[in-house]
Amino acid sequence: MSGIVGTSSSKSKLINFTVDTAAAWARFNGNTPALLQSFNISTLDDLGGTGNWRLNFTNPMRTGNFCVVACSSQSMELVGTTASASVTIETRNGDNNASDTDKISVAVFI
């Protein structure tokens, strides 16, 4: 990896795939719920209940086997189902109870 945002290493260019660039990312408010900013995310679905959402990709991934990095203002973020077209995210508080939060960030790498 190049380590520099917006650039690719020469190895990535040789295989014609930028492995050091997020394939999708989003910042969303889980209380509303609403996408605040995103790349390659078409919609955000509230899956009902508390602290459970699905991010749908504009351009699907080649496979459902990808890396998801998530963080929020709660204690824990759990990645649920990963599929070529979407990923589910769950947030929990310090008592391990599902919890909505207004600050959730997710990045997907393949």
C-alpha atoms as a PDB file:
ATOM      1  CA  MET A   1       0.000   0.000   0.000  1.00  0.00           C
ATOM      2  CA  SER A   2       1.124   3.508  -0.651  1.00  0.00           C
ATOM      3  CA  GLY A   3       0.035   4.925   2.720  1.00  0.00           C
ATOM      4  CA  ILE A   4      -0.925   8.176   1.007  1.00  0.00           C
ATOM      5  CA  VAL A   5      -4.616   8.920   0.608  1.00  0.00           C
ATOM      6  CA  GLY A   6      -5.716   9.095  -3.004  1.00  0.00           C
ATOM      7  CA  THR A   7      -2.701   7.296  -4.442  1.00  0.00           C
ATOM      8  CA  SER A   8      -1.979   3.673  -5.254  1.00  0.00           C
ATOM      9  CA  SER A   9       1.150   1.613  -4.945  1.00  0.00           C
ATOM     10  CA  SER A  10       2.817   0.363  -8.113  1.00  0.00           C
ATOM     11  CA  LYS A  11       1.854  -3.223  -7.184  1.00  0.00           C
ATOM     12  CA  SER A  12      -1.811  -2.214  -7.091  1.00  0.00           C
ATOM     13  CA  LYS A  13      -1.493  -0.646 -10.527  1.00  0.00           C
ATOM     14  CA  LEU A  14       0.140  -3.787 -11.931  1.00  0.00           C
ATOM     15  CA  ILE A  15      -2.906  -5.894 -11.086  1.00  0.00           C
ATOM     16  CA  ASN A  16      -5.196  -3.056 -12.183  1.00  0.00           C
ATOM     17  CA  PHE A  17      -6.876  -2.870  -8.804  1.00  0.00           C
ATOM     18  CA  THR A  18      -6.352  -0.292  -6.085  1.00  0.00           C
ATOM     19  CA  VAL A  19      -6.318  -2.444  -2.952  1.00  0.00           C
ATOM     20  CA  ASP A  20      -5.342   0.547  -0.862  1.00  0.00           C
ATOM     21  CA  THR A  21      -8.542   2.474  -1.578  1.00  0.00           C
ATOM     22  CA  ALA A  22     -11.890   1.976   0.163  1.00  0.00           C
ATOM     23  CA  ALA A  23     -14.421   0.268  -2.106  1.00  0.00           C
ATOM     24  CA  ALA A  24     -17.216   2.003  -0.170  1.00  0.00           C
ATOM     25  CA  TRP A  25     -17.584   4.194   2.907  1.00  0.00           C
ATOM     26  CA  ALA A  26     -20.290   6.018   4.803  1.00  0.00           C
ATOM     27  CA  ARG A  27     -20.875   8.353   7.708  1.00  0.00           C
ATOM     28  CA  PHE A  28     -24.449   8.171   8.944  1.00  0.00           C
ATOM     29  CA  ASN A  29     -26.748   9.206  11.762  1.00  0.00           C
ATOM     30  CA  GLY A  30     -28.396   6.134  13.264  1.00  0.00           C
ATOM     31  CA  ASN A  31     -30.895   8.172  15.293  1.00  0.00           C
ATOM     32  CA  THR A  32     -32.614   9.634  12.227  1.00  0.00           C
ATOM     33  CA  PRO A  33     -31.425   7.374  10.262  1.00  0.00           C
ATOM     34  CA  ALA A  34     -29.771   9.329   7.480  1.00  0.00           C
ATOM     35  CA  LEU A  35     -26.647   9.154   5.339  1.00  0.00           C
ATOM     36  CA  LEU A  36     -24.482  12.215   5.963  1.00  0.00           C
ATOM     37  CA  GLN A  37     -21.704  11.465   3.450  1.00  0.00           C
ATOM     38  CA  SER A  38     -20.888   8.348   1.465  1.00  0.00           C
ATOM     39  CA  PHE A  39     -19.076   6.769  -1.443  1.00  0.00           C
ATOM     40  CA  ASN A  40     -20.537   3.783  -3.347  1.00  0.00           C
ATOM     41  CA  ILE A  41     -23.484   3.584  -0.917  1.00  0.00           C
ATOM     42  CA  SER A  42     -26.912   3.878  -2.550  1.00  0.00           C
ATOM     43  CA  THR A  43     -29.179   3.671   0.504  1.00  0.00           C
ATOM     44  CA  LEU A  44     -29.273   3.166   4.255  1.00  0.00           C
ATOM     45  CA  ASP A  45     -32.005   0.854   5.590  1.00  0.00           C
ATOM     46  CA  ASP A  46     -33.213   0.898   9.199  1.00  0.00           C
ATOM     47  CA  LEU A  47     -33.750  -2.799   9.938  1.00  0.00           C
ATOM     48  CA  GLY A  48     -36.155  -2.118  12.784  1.00  0.00           C
ATOM     49  CA  GLY A  49     -35.541  -2.256  16.453  1.00  0.00           C
ATOM     50  CA  THR A  50     -32.543  -0.427  17.834  1.00  0.00           C
ATOM     51  CA  GLY A  51     -28.993  -0.172  16.520  1.00  0.00           C
ATOM     52  CA  ASN A  52     -29.394  -2.246  13.356  1.00  0.00           C
ATOM     53  CA  TRP A  53     -28.858  -0.937   9.795  1.00  0.00           C
ATOM     54  CA  ARG A  54     -28.020  -2.131   6.293  1.00  0.00           C
ATOM     55  CA  LEU A  55     -25.833  -0.181   3.866  1.00  0.00           C
ATOM     56  CA  ASN A  56     -26.588  -1.005   0.213  1.00  0.00           C
ATOM     57  CA  PHE A  57     -23.818  -0.592  -2.345  1.00  0.00           C
ATOM     58  CA  THR A  58     -24.301   1.411  -5.537  1.00  0.00           C
ATOM     59  CA  ASN A  59     -21.842  -0.895  -7.328  1.00  0.00           C
ATOM     60  CA  PRO A  60     -21.825  -4.380  -5.760  1.00  0.00           C
ATOM     61  CA  MET A  61     -18.604  -5.972  -4.542  1.00  0.00           C
ATOM     62  CA  ARG A  62     -17.135  -8.891  -6.500  1.00  0.00           C
ATOM     63  CA  THR A  63     -17.738 -11.118  -3.485  1.00  0.00           C
ATOM     64  CA  GLY A  64     -19.286 -11.063  -0.015  1.00  0.00           C
ATOM     65  CA  ASN A  65     -15.831 -11.697   1.479  1.00  0.00           C
ATOM     66  CA  PHE A  66     -14.575  -8.207   2.235  1.00  0.00           C
ATOM     67  CA  CYS A  67     -13.213  -6.281   5.198  1.00  0.00           C
ATOM     68  CA  VAL A  68     -15.480  -3.877   7.064  1.00  0.00           C
ATOM     69  CA  VAL A  69     -14.128  -1.316   9.514  1.00  0.00           C
ATOM     70  CA  ALA A  70     -16.724   0.485  11.633  1.00  0.00           C
ATOM     71  CA  CYS A  71     -16.678   2.908  14.539  1.00  0.00           C
ATOM     72  CA  SER A  72     -19.287   4.883  16.440  1.00  0.00           C
ATOM     73  CA  SER A  73     -19.790   6.881  19.606  1.00  0.00           C
ATOM     74  CA  GLN A  74     -21.042   3.697  21.302  1.00  0.00           C
ATOM     75  CA  SER A  75     -18.828   1.008  22.835  1.00  0.00           C
ATOM     76  CA  MET A  76     -19.146  -1.675  20.165  1.00  0.00           C
ATOM     77  CA  GLU A  77     -19.849  -1.992  16.462  1.00  0.00           C
ATOM     78  CA  LEU A  78     -20.705  -5.405  15.089  1.00  0.00           C
ATOM     79  CA  VAL A  79     -20.634  -6.364  11.445  1.00  0.00           C
ATOM     80  CA  GLY A  80     -23.506  -8.633  10.518  1.00  0.00           C
ATOM     81  CA  THR A  81     -24.121 -10.148   7.124  1.00  0.00           C
ATOM     82  CA  THR A  82     -21.758  -9.233   4.313  1.00  0.00           C
ATOM     83  CA  ALA A  83     -23.067  -9.775   0.807  1.00  0.00           C
ATOM     84  CA  SER A  84     -21.901  -8.513  -2.548  1.00  0.00           C
ATOM     85  CA  ALA A  85     -24.728  -5.942  -2.507  1.00  0.00           C
ATOM     86  CA  SER A  86     -24.779  -4.852   1.167  1.00  0.00           C
ATOM     87  CA  VAL A  87     -23.438  -5.006   4.714  1.00  0.00           C
ATOM     88  CA  THR A  88     -25.308  -4.862   8.033  1.00  0.00           C
ATOM     89  CA  ILE A  89     -24.010  -2.918  11.016  1.00  0.00           C
ATOM     90  CA  GLU A  90     -25.111  -3.112  14.663  1.00  0.00           C
ATOM     91  CA  THR A  91     -24.124  -0.803  17.529  1.00  0.00           C
ATOM     92  CA  ARG A  92     -24.181  -1.679  21.232  1.00  0.00           C
ATOM     93  CA  ASN A  93     -23.515   0.355  24.363  1.00  0.00           C
ATOM     94  CA  GLY A  94     -21.223  -0.510  27.296  1.00  0.00           C
ATOM     95  CA  ASP A  95     -23.903  -2.763  28.840  1.00  0.00           C
ATOM     96  CA  ASN A  96     -24.054  -4.769  25.578  1.00  0.00           C
ATOM     97  CA  ASN A  97     -27.547  -3.459  24.771  1.00  0.00           C
ATOM     98  CA  ALA A  98     -28.423  -2.473  21.204  1.00  0.00           C
ATOM     99  CA  SER A  99     -28.221   1.305  20.952  1.00  0.00           C
ATOM    100  CA  ASP A 100     -28.836   3.951  18.287  1.00  0.00           C
ATOM    101  CA  THR A 101     -26.203   6.641  17.893  1.00  0.00           C
ATOM    102  CA  ASP A 102     -25.750   9.714  15.729  1.00  0.00           C
ATOM    103  CA  LYS A 103     -22.099   9.102  14.793  1.00  0.00           C
ATOM    104  CA  ILE A 104     -21.379   5.944  12.788  1.00  0.00           C
ATOM    105  CA  SER A 105     -18.575   5.566  10.239  1.00  0.00           C
ATOM    106  CA  VAL A 106     -18.025   2.512   8.029  1.00  0.00           C
ATOM    107  CA  ALA A 107     -15.352   1.678   5.441  1.00  0.00           C
ATOM    108  CA  VAL A 108     -15.262  -1.370   3.157  1.00  0.00           C
ATOM    109  CA  PHE A 109     -12.075  -2.825   1.642  1.00  0.00           C
ATOM    110  CA  ILE A 110     -11.809  -5.745  -0.778  1.00  0.00           C
END
